[in-house]
């Protein structure tokens, strides 16, 4: 299917196959239905295949391209249900429980799917097969191996060959040699002897395919906490209409979040074009929010900042708003004169700037529980950083114990000091000599020995010093003389 729609030199008529090198020999990896009807099968050597079918056209297999193509089709299937899983290399499984009625039933859903899929299949649905079953394994088996419709789902499953169980080749061969050629043959035998002889995988897959054990798919994307969507009889294309729909969906989401007393920090809009293409837009906020007006502002900023403008094509026939996760939303404190507190206004400003400039352009400091100075604070994107912890404030009138600016990494200096553990008297930094007139210290910081496997580390002795011109530095000796014979000195920061 990918080959027919993506290559101009793909054959319109005649059999063709995909080949790959296996153990030094070129072998068949996949075949089109015409080649299968002529007796060819995957795994056959290319020379043997050409001897049987001289007119066979071959192309190199590209598993990566096949997987990307399958992912694209799975994205397209998201319009029918959020429960979509890949069944590599050539299948997709949809859990349409509770969704089919939105399309008029299962038959109408399949008709709509096939109609849209023709755009990828060069106008034909000959390569598309579907099936319904109570379990994913049953639907996959029927879609791949059912040739003639049966009176019931159970009867159709029991007529399938053993290959529909998708067991290991050795197990499948052993079952056939034992005379068990169909799923019905295997289902009539007691499970205990089958498990003892052919392994528990055979009996486990059997009960899953027949629907005798509950089985669920693992969706390729985690289900969002909330999602809302709008479908249109006539596609829309204008940005103003898109934002209006986002606002309507935001109001629906806000109502549910208000009932749960929660808000969202990440919102994703998926635009479904009528020709099958999709476009995702996402915004984030530093604090949980549920205000539809603010949501529209963020998405408006996001659309204006796009380097690749939205191409509506023939229009969007569906728009979906997803809230991946919900967080508790604390009551808002009001000022005496009314209005939100400054923290809320600052959070809104950070959200807008992060949306317009990029989430990695606006940062926030987050403290860490460590006494190593350069590891005591992290810079994180402002929209994802947790609520900042309370910083320790110095007593009134006391000078700061840490400089405002730290060098990363600390810069090496030459120091004249008393030994073994005396304070510095003079140091040279950036080719400039500084005479120390005042100092305070040392503040001894040991290495985090509990994090080191060998339990060792180098001690630092920090000094706050002031030179003859009143400039204040934060310098340290890296190591004691009992730890190394010639410890180095560094300047780590500057005081304002």
Protein backbone atom coordinates (compact mmCIF):
# COMPACT_ATOMS: atom_id res chain seq x y z
CA UNK A 1 0.00 0.00 0.00
CA UNK A 2 2.79 2.45 0.87
CA UNK A 3 4.68 1.47 -2.28
CA UNK A 4 1.70 1.91 -4.58
CA UNK A 5 0.89 5.39 -3.33
CA UNK A 6 4.38 6.78 -2.75
CA UNK A 7 6.31 5.64 -5.85
CA UNK A 8 5.64 6.64 -9.41
CA UNK A 9 7.47 3.55 -10.69
CA UNK A 10 5.34 1.11 -8.70
CA UNK A 11 3.63 -1.36 -11.03
CA UNK A 12 0.03 -0.65 -11.86
CA UNK A 13 -0.46 -4.23 -13.08
CA UNK A 14 1.41 -7.45 -12.43
CA UNK A 15 2.78 -9.05 -9.28
CA UNK A 16 5.53 -7.46 -7.22
CA UNK A 17 7.42 -8.17 -4.02
CA UNK A 18 9.68 -6.58 -1.43
CA UNK A 19 13.04 -8.24 -0.90
CA UNK A 20 15.70 -8.13 1.84
CA UNK A 21 19.04 -9.78 2.45
CA UNK A 22 18.89 -12.60 4.99
CA UNK A 23 22.10 -14.50 5.79
CA UNK A 24 23.72 -13.34 2.58
CA UNK A 25 20.83 -14.32 0.29
CA UNK A 26 18.09 -12.14 -1.16
CA UNK A 27 14.70 -13.36 0.01
CA UNK A 28 11.08 -12.29 -0.26
CA UNK A 29 9.97 -10.09 2.64
CA UNK A 30 6.44 -9.20 1.48
CA UNK A 31 4.17 -9.84 -1.50
CA UNK A 32 1.15 -8.26 -3.12
CA UNK A 33 -2.04 -10.34 -3.49
CA UNK A 34 -1.28 -11.21 -7.14
CA UNK A 35 2.10 -12.70 -6.19
CA UNK A 36 0.51 -14.69 -3.37
CA UNK A 37 -2.13 -16.05 -5.77
CA UNK A 38 0.68 -17.26 -8.03
CA UNK A 39 2.08 -19.44 -5.23
CA UNK A 40 4.85 -17.24 -3.86
CA UNK A 41 5.36 -16.82 -0.12
CA UNK A 42 7.53 -14.70 2.20
CA UNK A 43 10.94 -16.20 2.93
CA UNK A 44 11.32 -17.67 -0.57
CA UNK A 45 14.67 -17.03 -2.26
CA UNK A 46 14.53 -14.38 -4.97
CA UNK A 47 16.05 -16.74 -7.54
CA UNK A 48 13.35 -19.34 -6.90
CA UNK A 49 10.63 -16.69 -7.03
CA UNK A 50 11.84 -15.39 -10.41
CA UNK A 51 12.03 -18.94 -11.73
CA UNK A 52 8.36 -19.46 -10.84
CA UNK A 53 7.12 -15.98 -11.84
CA UNK A 54 9.49 -14.38 -14.39
CA UNK A 55 7.38 -11.19 -14.62
CA UNK A 56 7.76 -10.54 -10.87
CA UNK A 57 8.81 -6.95 -10.08
CA UNK A 58 10.86 -6.45 -6.93
CA UNK A 59 11.72 -3.51 -4.67
CA UNK A 60 13.98 -3.24 -1.64
CA UNK A 61 12.15 -3.59 1.67
CA UNK A 62 12.21 -0.51 3.91
CA UNK A 63 10.90 -1.43 7.39
CA UNK A 64 11.46 2.10 8.68
CA UNK A 65 9.33 3.64 5.94
CA UNK A 66 6.67 0.97 6.49
CA UNK A 67 6.52 1.79 10.18
CA UNK A 68 6.23 5.53 9.50
CA UNK A 69 3.45 4.82 7.03
CA UNK A 70 1.66 2.67 9.61
CA UNK A 71 2.05 5.45 12.18
CA UNK A 72 0.50 7.91 9.74
CA UNK A 73 -2.51 5.68 9.18
CA UNK A 74 -2.83 5.19 12.96
CA UNK A 75 -2.86 8.98 13.38
CA UNK A 76 -5.69 9.09 10.87
CA UNK A 77 -7.61 6.44 12.85
CA UNK A 78 -7.51 8.66 15.96
CA UNK A 79 -10.60 10.37 14.57
CA UNK A 80 -12.61 7.22 15.31
CA UNK A 81 -11.36 6.31 18.78
CA UNK A 82 -8.48 7.25 21.11
CA UNK A 83 -7.82 3.53 21.66
CA UNK A 84 -5.55 2.82 18.70
CA UNK A 85 -2.66 0.33 18.76
CA UNK A 86 -0.13 -0.74 16.14
CA UNK A 87 -0.08 -4.37 15.07
CA UNK A 88 3.21 -4.38 13.18
CA UNK A 89 4.19 -4.84 10.49
CA UNK A 90 0.94 -4.31 8.61
CA UNK A 91 -1.98 -3.96 11.00
CA UNK A 92 -3.77 -1.48 13.23
CA UNK A 93 -6.18 -2.42 16.01
CA UNK A 94 -8.99 -0.08 17.09
CA UNK A 95 -11.07 -0.49 20.23
CA UNK A 96 -14.34 1.14 19.18
CA UNK A 97 -16.27 0.26 22.33
CA UNK A 98 -18.68 3.13 22.92
CA UNK A 99 -17.60 4.94 19.74
CA UNK A 100 -19.38 3.17 16.87
CA UNK A 101 -22.73 4.88 17.48
CA UNK A 102 -21.12 8.26 16.71
CA UNK A 103 -20.73 7.10 13.11
CA UNK A 104 -24.05 5.28 12.76
CA UNK A 105 -22.81 1.85 13.81
CA UNK A 106 -19.94 -0.47 13.02
CA UNK A 107 -20.78 -0.84 9.32
CA UNK A 108 -21.01 2.92 8.78
CA UNK A 109 -17.72 3.42 10.64
CA UNK A 110 -15.95 0.95 8.36
CA UNK A 111 -17.48 2.53 5.27
CA UNK A 112 -16.22 5.94 6.33
CA UNK A 113 -12.78 4.51 7.11
CA UNK A 114 -12.49 2.76 3.74
CA UNK A 115 -13.62 5.86 1.90
CA UNK A 116 -10.92 7.96 3.56
CA UNK A 117 -8.28 5.27 3.10
CA UNK A 118 -8.71 5.31 -0.68
CA UNK A 119 -6.59 8.45 -0.72
CA UNK A 120 -3.63 6.34 0.44
CA UNK A 121 -4.46 3.32 -1.66
CA UNK A 122 -4.51 4.73 -5.19
CA UNK A 123 -8.29 4.61 -5.39
CA UNK A 124 -8.69 0.93 -4.49
CA UNK A 125 -9.49 -0.88 -1.25
CA UNK A 126 -8.25 -4.26 -2.50
CA UNK A 127 -5.41 -4.31 0.03
CA UNK A 128 -7.54 -3.32 3.02
CA UNK A 129 -9.15 -5.98 5.19
CA UNK A 130 -11.03 -5.52 8.44
CA UNK A 131 -12.77 -7.69 11.01
CA UNK A 132 -14.72 -7.34 14.26
CA UNK A 133 -14.21 -9.57 17.30
CA UNK A 134 -14.55 -9.53 21.07
CA UNK A 135 -10.78 -9.46 21.61
CA UNK A 136 -7.90 -7.76 19.76
CA UNK A 137 -6.29 -11.11 18.97
CA UNK A 138 -9.52 -12.40 17.46
CA UNK A 139 -9.98 -9.35 15.24
CA UNK A 140 -6.35 -9.52 14.10
CA UNK A 141 -6.65 -13.22 13.24
CA UNK A 142 -9.86 -12.74 11.25
CA UNK A 143 -8.52 -9.72 9.37
CA UNK A 144 -5.40 -11.60 8.28
CA UNK A 145 -6.69 -15.13 7.61
CA UNK A 146 -10.45 -15.07 7.00
CA UNK A 147 -11.23 -15.71 3.34
CA UNK A 148 -14.88 -16.82 3.42
CA UNK A 149 -17.48 -15.23 5.74
CA UNK A 150 -18.97 -17.57 8.33
CA UNK A 151 -22.32 -17.68 10.07
CA UNK A 152 -20.89 -16.54 13.40
CA UNK A 153 -17.71 -15.08 14.80
CA UNK A 154 -16.88 -18.24 16.76
CA UNK A 155 -17.33 -20.43 13.68
CA UNK A 156 -15.13 -18.11 11.61
CA UNK A 157 -12.39 -18.19 14.24
CA UNK A 158 -12.42 -21.97 14.53
CA UNK A 159 -11.96 -22.35 10.76
CA UNK A 160 -8.77 -20.26 10.75
CA UNK A 161 -5.41 -22.01 10.30
CA UNK A 162 -3.02 -22.50 13.19
CA UNK A 163 -0.89 -19.69 11.74
CA UNK A 164 -3.57 -17.24 12.96
CA UNK A 165 -2.34 -17.83 16.51
CA UNK A 166 1.00 -16.25 15.51
CA UNK A 167 3.09 -18.67 17.53
CA UNK A 168 6.79 -19.38 17.15
CA UNK A 169 7.60 -21.17 13.86
CA UNK A 170 8.82 -24.27 15.69
CA UNK A 171 5.58 -24.50 17.71
CA UNK A 172 3.44 -23.98 14.62
CA UNK A 173 5.31 -26.71 12.75
CA UNK A 174 4.95 -29.12 15.68
CA UNK A 175 1.18 -28.51 15.85
CA UNK A 176 0.77 -29.22 12.16
CA UNK A 177 2.79 -32.41 12.41
CA UNK A 178 0.48 -33.49 15.23
CA UNK A 179 -2.51 -33.09 12.89
CA UNK A 180 -3.77 -29.83 14.42
CA UNK A 181 -4.18 -27.61 11.37
CA UNK A 182 -6.97 -25.25 12.44
CA UNK A 183 -7.89 -23.37 15.57
CA UNK A 184 -10.98 -25.58 15.85
CA UNK A 185 -8.78 -28.70 15.90
CA UNK A 186 -6.77 -27.24 18.76
CA UNK A 187 -9.85 -26.01 20.66
CA UNK A 188 -11.32 -29.52 20.85
CA UNK A 189 -8.27 -30.89 22.68
CA UNK A 190 -7.79 -30.63 26.49
CA UNK A 191 -5.69 -27.60 27.37
CA UNK A 192 -3.40 -29.30 29.90
CA UNK A 193 -1.80 -31.79 27.45
CA UNK A 194 -1.50 -29.05 24.82
CA UNK A 195 0.31 -26.74 27.28
CA UNK A 196 2.58 -29.55 28.44
CA UNK A 197 3.58 -30.54 24.91
CA UNK A 198 3.56 -27.26 22.98
CA UNK A 199 3.94 -24.67 25.74
CA UNK A 200 1.56 -22.39 27.61
CA UNK A 201 1.80 -19.79 24.84
CA UNK A 202 -0.32 -21.98 22.56
CA UNK A 203 -3.18 -22.35 25.04
CA UNK A 204 -2.95 -18.71 26.11
CA UNK A 205 -3.23 -17.40 22.53
CA UNK A 206 -6.05 -19.88 21.85
CA UNK A 207 -8.29 -18.57 24.64
CA UNK A 208 -7.49 -14.96 23.68
CA UNK A 209 -8.36 -15.46 20.02
CA UNK A 210 -11.60 -17.29 20.87
CA UNK A 211 -12.60 -14.55 23.32
CA UNK A 212 -12.60 -16.88 26.33
CA UNK A 213 -10.29 -14.54 28.25
CA UNK A 214 -10.58 -10.78 28.53
CA UNK A 215 -7.88 -9.01 26.54
CA UNK A 216 -7.24 -5.31 25.98
CA UNK A 217 -5.03 -3.32 23.66
CA UNK A 218 -2.32 -0.97 24.87
CA UNK A 219 -3.00 2.32 23.06
CA UNK A 220 -0.05 3.91 21.31
CA UNK A 221 -0.76 7.15 23.13
CA UNK A 222 -1.69 7.50 26.77
CA UNK A 223 -5.35 8.39 27.14
CA UNK A 224 -5.85 12.02 28.17
CA UNK A 225 -7.69 12.90 31.34
CA UNK A 226 -10.23 14.86 29.27
CA UNK A 227 -10.89 15.33 25.59
CA UNK A 228 -13.63 17.05 23.65
CA UNK A 229 -14.22 17.28 19.92
CA UNK A 230 -16.37 18.94 17.30
CA UNK A 231 -17.26 17.48 13.89
CA UNK A 232 -18.41 19.64 11.00
CA UNK A 233 -20.63 18.80 8.07
CA UNK A 234 -18.85 21.54 6.13
CA UNK A 235 -15.07 21.86 6.78
CA UNK A 236 -13.78 25.13 8.24
CA UNK A 237 -10.57 26.86 7.17
CA UNK A 238 -10.31 30.32 8.78
CA UNK A 239 -8.13 30.82 11.85
CA UNK A 240 -10.90 32.84 13.49
CA UNK A 241 -13.28 29.89 13.18
CA UNK A 242 -10.65 27.52 14.57
CA UNK A 243 -10.13 29.74 17.63
CA UNK A 244 -13.88 30.01 18.14
CA UNK A 245 -14.21 26.23 18.18
CA UNK A 246 -11.24 25.97 20.57
CA UNK A 247 -13.02 28.43 22.85
CA UNK A 248 -16.21 26.34 22.76
CA UNK A 249 -14.26 23.19 23.56
CA UNK A 250 -12.42 25.08 26.30
CA UNK A 251 -15.76 26.01 27.90
CA UNK A 252 -16.80 22.35 27.89
CA UNK A 253 -13.48 21.39 29.48
CA UNK A 254 -13.73 24.23 32.02
CA UNK A 255 -17.13 23.04 33.18
CA UNK A 256 -15.86 19.52 33.84
CA UNK A 257 -12.66 20.77 35.51
CA UNK A 258 -14.63 23.13 37.73
CA UNK A 259 -16.81 20.25 38.89
CA UNK A 260 -13.67 18.32 39.77
CA UNK A 261 -11.98 21.41 41.27
CA UNK A 262 -9.01 20.86 39.02
CA UNK A 263 -7.23 22.55 36.14
CA UNK A 264 -4.85 21.71 33.33
CA UNK A 265 -1.31 22.82 32.63
CA UNK A 266 -1.08 21.37 29.12
CA UNK A 267 -3.64 21.54 26.35
CA UNK A 268 -3.36 19.92 22.92
CA UNK A 269 -5.53 20.71 19.90
CA UNK A 270 -5.54 18.28 16.98
CA UNK A 271 -6.86 19.58 13.67
CA UNK A 272 -8.17 16.87 11.32
CA UNK A 273 -8.12 17.92 7.68
CA UNK A 274 -10.74 16.53 5.33
CA UNK A 275 -8.01 14.94 3.19
CA UNK A 276 -6.62 12.95 6.13
CA UNK A 277 -3.75 15.24 7.13
CA UNK A 278 -3.48 16.37 10.76
CA UNK A 279 -1.86 19.16 12.69
CA UNK A 280 -1.18 19.28 16.44
CA UNK A 281 -0.94 22.49 18.46
CA UNK A 282 0.01 22.51 22.14
CA UNK A 283 0.23 25.14 24.85
CA UNK A 284 1.42 24.96 28.46
CA UNK A 285 0.92 27.04 31.58
CA UNK A 286 2.94 27.48 34.74
CA UNK A 287 -0.12 27.14 36.98
CA UNK A 288 -3.23 25.01 36.46
CA UNK A 289 -5.88 26.94 34.52
CA UNK A 290 -9.37 26.42 33.15
CA UNK A 291 -10.27 29.87 31.84
CA UNK A 292 -11.45 29.52 28.20
CA UNK A 293 -10.56 33.15 27.41
CA UNK A 294 -6.99 32.66 28.58
CA UNK A 295 -6.82 29.40 26.65
CA UNK A 296 -7.83 31.19 23.44
CA UNK A 297 -5.12 33.82 24.05
CA UNK A 298 -2.46 31.12 24.44
CA UNK A 299 -3.52 29.29 21.29
CA UNK A 300 -3.70 32.58 19.41
CA UNK A 301 -0.11 33.32 20.47
CA UNK A 302 0.88 29.79 19.47
CA UNK A 303 -0.61 30.11 15.98
CA UNK A 304 0.97 33.53 15.41
CA UNK A 305 4.40 32.18 16.45
CA UNK A 306 4.31 29.19 14.07
CA UNK A 307 7.24 29.10 11.66
CA UNK A 308 5.15 26.83 9.41
CA UNK A 309 1.66 28.39 9.10
CA UNK A 310 -1.37 26.16 9.30
CA UNK A 311 -2.37 24.87 5.89
CA UNK A 312 -6.12 24.15 6.00
CA UNK A 313 -6.13 22.48 2.57
CA UNK A 314 -9.80 21.81 1.83
CA UNK A 315 -10.67 22.59 5.45
CA UNK A 316 -10.82 20.84 8.83
CA UNK A 317 -13.77 18.54 9.43
CA UNK A 318 -12.95 17.77 13.07
CA UNK A 319 -11.15 19.53 15.94
CA UNK A 320 -10.24 17.82 19.21
CA UNK A 321 -9.08 19.42 22.46
CA UNK A 322 -7.21 17.16 24.91
CA UNK A 323 -6.12 17.78 28.49
CA UNK A 324 -3.44 15.12 29.19
CA UNK A 325 -3.51 15.50 32.99
CA UNK A 326 -5.43 17.38 35.66
CA UNK A 327 -3.96 19.03 38.75
CA UNK A 328 -5.64 20.37 41.89
CA UNK A 329 -6.52 24.02 41.50
CA UNK A 330 -6.17 26.01 44.70
CA UNK A 331 -8.58 28.86 45.48
CA UNK A 332 -7.36 32.24 44.18
CA UNK A 333 -6.50 34.83 46.81
CA UNK A 334 -7.91 38.27 46.03
CA UNK A 335 -6.37 41.61 46.89
CA UNK A 336 -8.27 44.02 49.10
CA UNK A 337 -9.16 46.24 46.15
CA UNK A 338 -10.21 43.20 44.10
CA UNK A 339 -8.55 41.34 41.29
CA UNK A 340 -6.12 38.45 41.20
CA UNK A 341 -2.88 38.54 43.10
CA UNK A 342 0.40 39.39 41.38
CA UNK A 343 1.40 35.72 41.24
CA UNK A 344 -1.51 34.95 38.92
CA UNK A 345 -0.68 37.88 36.64
CA UNK A 346 2.98 36.88 36.55
CA UNK A 347 2.04 33.28 35.71
CA UNK A 348 -0.15 34.50 32.83
CA UNK A 349 2.71 36.64 31.51
CA UNK A 350 5.15 33.70 31.70
CA UNK A 351 2.66 31.49 29.86
CA UNK A 352 2.24 33.97 27.02
CA UNK A 353 5.98 34.58 26.64
CA UNK A 354 6.75 30.85 26.72
CA UNK A 355 4.08 30.19 24.10
CA UNK A 356 5.31 32.98 21.82
CA UNK A 357 9.09 32.58 22.23
CA UNK A 358 9.31 28.86 23.00
CA UNK A 359 9.18 26.84 26.20
CA UNK A 360 13.00 26.68 26.44
CA UNK A 361 13.47 30.46 26.24
CA UNK A 362 11.88 31.43 29.57
CA UNK A 363 13.43 29.80 32.65
CA UNK A 364 12.76 29.63 36.35
CA UNK A 365 15.13 28.80 39.18
CA UNK A 366 14.31 25.72 41.23
CA UNK A 367 16.26 24.94 44.44
CA UNK A 368 17.68 21.49 45.08
CA UNK A 369 18.36 19.72 48.33
CA UNK A 370 22.17 19.72 48.21
CA UNK A 371 24.93 21.72 49.85
CA UNK A 372 27.21 21.73 46.78
CA UNK A 373 26.90 25.37 45.62
CA UNK A 374 26.77 24.87 41.84
CA UNK A 375 24.23 22.07 42.27
CA UNK A 376 21.97 23.94 44.66
CA UNK A 377 19.78 25.43 41.94
CA UNK A 378 18.49 24.31 38.57
CA UNK A 379 17.14 26.31 35.64
CA UNK A 380 14.00 24.74 34.25
CA UNK A 381 11.45 25.87 31.67
CA UNK A 382 9.15 28.22 33.52
CA UNK A 383 5.99 26.44 32.39
CA UNK A 384 7.03 23.06 33.82
CA UNK A 385 8.89 24.02 36.96
CA UNK A 386 7.20 23.12 40.27
CA UNK A 387 6.10 25.76 42.71
CA UNK A 388 9.35 27.31 43.99
CA UNK A 389 10.38 26.40 47.52
CA UNK A 390 10.98 29.10 50.08
CA UNK A 391 14.48 30.50 49.89
CA UNK A 392 16.39 31.13 53.09
CA UNK A 393 16.62 34.86 53.70
CA UNK A 394 19.53 36.40 55.61
CA UNK A 395 18.89 38.34 58.76
CA UNK A 396 18.22 42.04 58.33
CA UNK A 397 21.44 43.96 57.86
CA UNK A 398 23.52 40.81 57.31
CA UNK A 399 25.51 40.47 54.07
CA UNK A 400 24.50 37.58 51.76
CA UNK A 401 26.28 34.28 52.33
CA UNK A 402 26.12 33.35 48.65
CA UNK A 403 26.93 35.56 45.67
CA UNK A 404 24.31 36.48 43.14
CA UNK A 405 26.43 35.31 40.20
CA UNK A 406 28.19 31.93 40.07
CA UNK A 407 30.72 30.84 37.46
CA UNK A 408 30.03 27.53 35.75
CA UNK A 409 32.55 26.04 35.94
CA UNK A 410 34.55 27.85 38.67
CA UNK A 411 37.57 29.72 37.31
CA UNK A 412 41.07 28.76 38.41
CA UNK A 413 43.22 31.40 40.16
CA UNK A 414 46.75 31.70 41.58
CA UNK A 415 46.74 32.32 45.34
CA UNK A 416 49.27 33.23 48.00
CA UNK A 417 48.01 31.89 51.32
CA UNK A 418 49.15 30.57 54.65
CA UNK A 419 49.68 26.84 54.84
CA UNK A 420 48.34 24.42 55.62
CA UNK A 421 44.83 25.87 55.98
CA UNK A 422 45.30 29.61 56.15
CA UNK A 423 43.26 32.30 54.38
CA UNK A 424 44.31 33.87 51.06
CA UNK A 425 46.38 37.06 51.14
CA UNK A 426 46.73 37.72 47.42
CA UNK A 427 45.42 36.11 44.25
CA UNK A 428 45.73 36.58 40.50
CA UNK A 429 42.62 36.24 38.35
CA UNK A 430 42.34 37.08 34.66
CA UNK A 431 45.89 38.52 34.67
CA UNK A 432 44.97 40.96 37.44
CA UNK A 433 46.52 40.88 40.93
CA UNK A 434 44.16 41.38 43.87
CA UNK A 435 45.37 42.17 47.39
CA UNK A 436 43.00 40.80 50.03
CA UNK A 437 42.21 43.36 52.73
CA UNK A 438 39.35 41.52 54.43
CA UNK A 439 38.22 37.93 54.51
CA UNK A 440 35.63 35.76 56.22
CA UNK A 441 35.85 31.99 56.48
CA UNK A 442 36.55 29.28 55.94
CA UNK A 443 33.16 27.71 55.26
CA UNK A 444 34.05 24.08 54.89
CA UNK A 445 31.89 21.99 52.51
CA UNK A 446 32.67 18.30 52.35
CA UNK A 447 32.01 16.14 49.31
CA UNK A 448 28.79 14.13 49.15
CA UNK A 449 30.54 10.97 50.24
CA UNK A 450 27.24 9.05 50.59
CA UNK A 451 26.69 9.37 46.82
CA UNK A 452 30.13 8.09 45.89
CA UNK A 453 30.64 4.30 45.60
CA UNK A 454 34.12 4.54 47.04
CA UNK A 455 33.05 6.90 49.81
CA UNK A 456 35.70 9.51 49.03
CA UNK A 457 35.71 13.09 47.81
CA UNK A 458 37.50 16.41 47.97
CA UNK A 459 36.74 19.04 50.59
CA UNK A 460 36.22 22.70 49.75
CA UNK A 461 37.13 25.65 51.98
CA UNK A 462 35.21 28.77 50.92
CA UNK A 463 36.22 32.38 51.77
CA UNK A 464 34.38 35.62 51.24
CA UNK A 465 37.14 38.12 50.50
CA UNK A 466 37.38 41.82 49.65
CA UNK A 467 40.27 43.37 47.75
CA UNK A 468 41.85 46.83 48.11
CA UNK A 469 39.35 48.35 45.65
CA UNK A 470 36.30 47.04 47.53
CA UNK A 471 35.45 44.24 45.14
CA UNK A 472 34.13 41.11 46.88
CA UNK A 473 34.75 37.54 45.70
CA UNK A 474 33.77 34.06 46.72
CA UNK A 475 36.80 31.79 46.39
CA UNK A 476 37.62 28.32 47.61
CA UNK A 477 40.48 25.92 48.07
CA UNK A 478 39.68 22.59 46.38
CA UNK A 479 41.12 20.03 48.74
CA UNK A 480 42.94 19.96 52.07
CA UNK A 481 46.66 19.38 52.30
CA UNK A 482 45.87 16.05 53.94
CA UNK A 483 43.89 15.11 50.79
CA UNK A 484 46.31 16.35 48.10
CA UNK A 485 49.79 17.87 48.16
CA UNK A 486 48.99 20.89 45.96
CA UNK A 487 45.33 21.89 46.19
CA UNK A 488 44.04 24.36 43.60
CA UNK A 489 42.16 27.59 44.21
CA UNK A 490 39.12 28.84 42.29
CA UNK A 491 36.89 31.87 42.17
CA UNK A 492 33.32 30.64 42.23
CA UNK A 493 31.27 33.83 42.28
CA UNK A 494 31.06 37.60 42.60
CA UNK A 495 29.10 39.59 45.16
CA UNK A 496 27.13 42.60 43.94
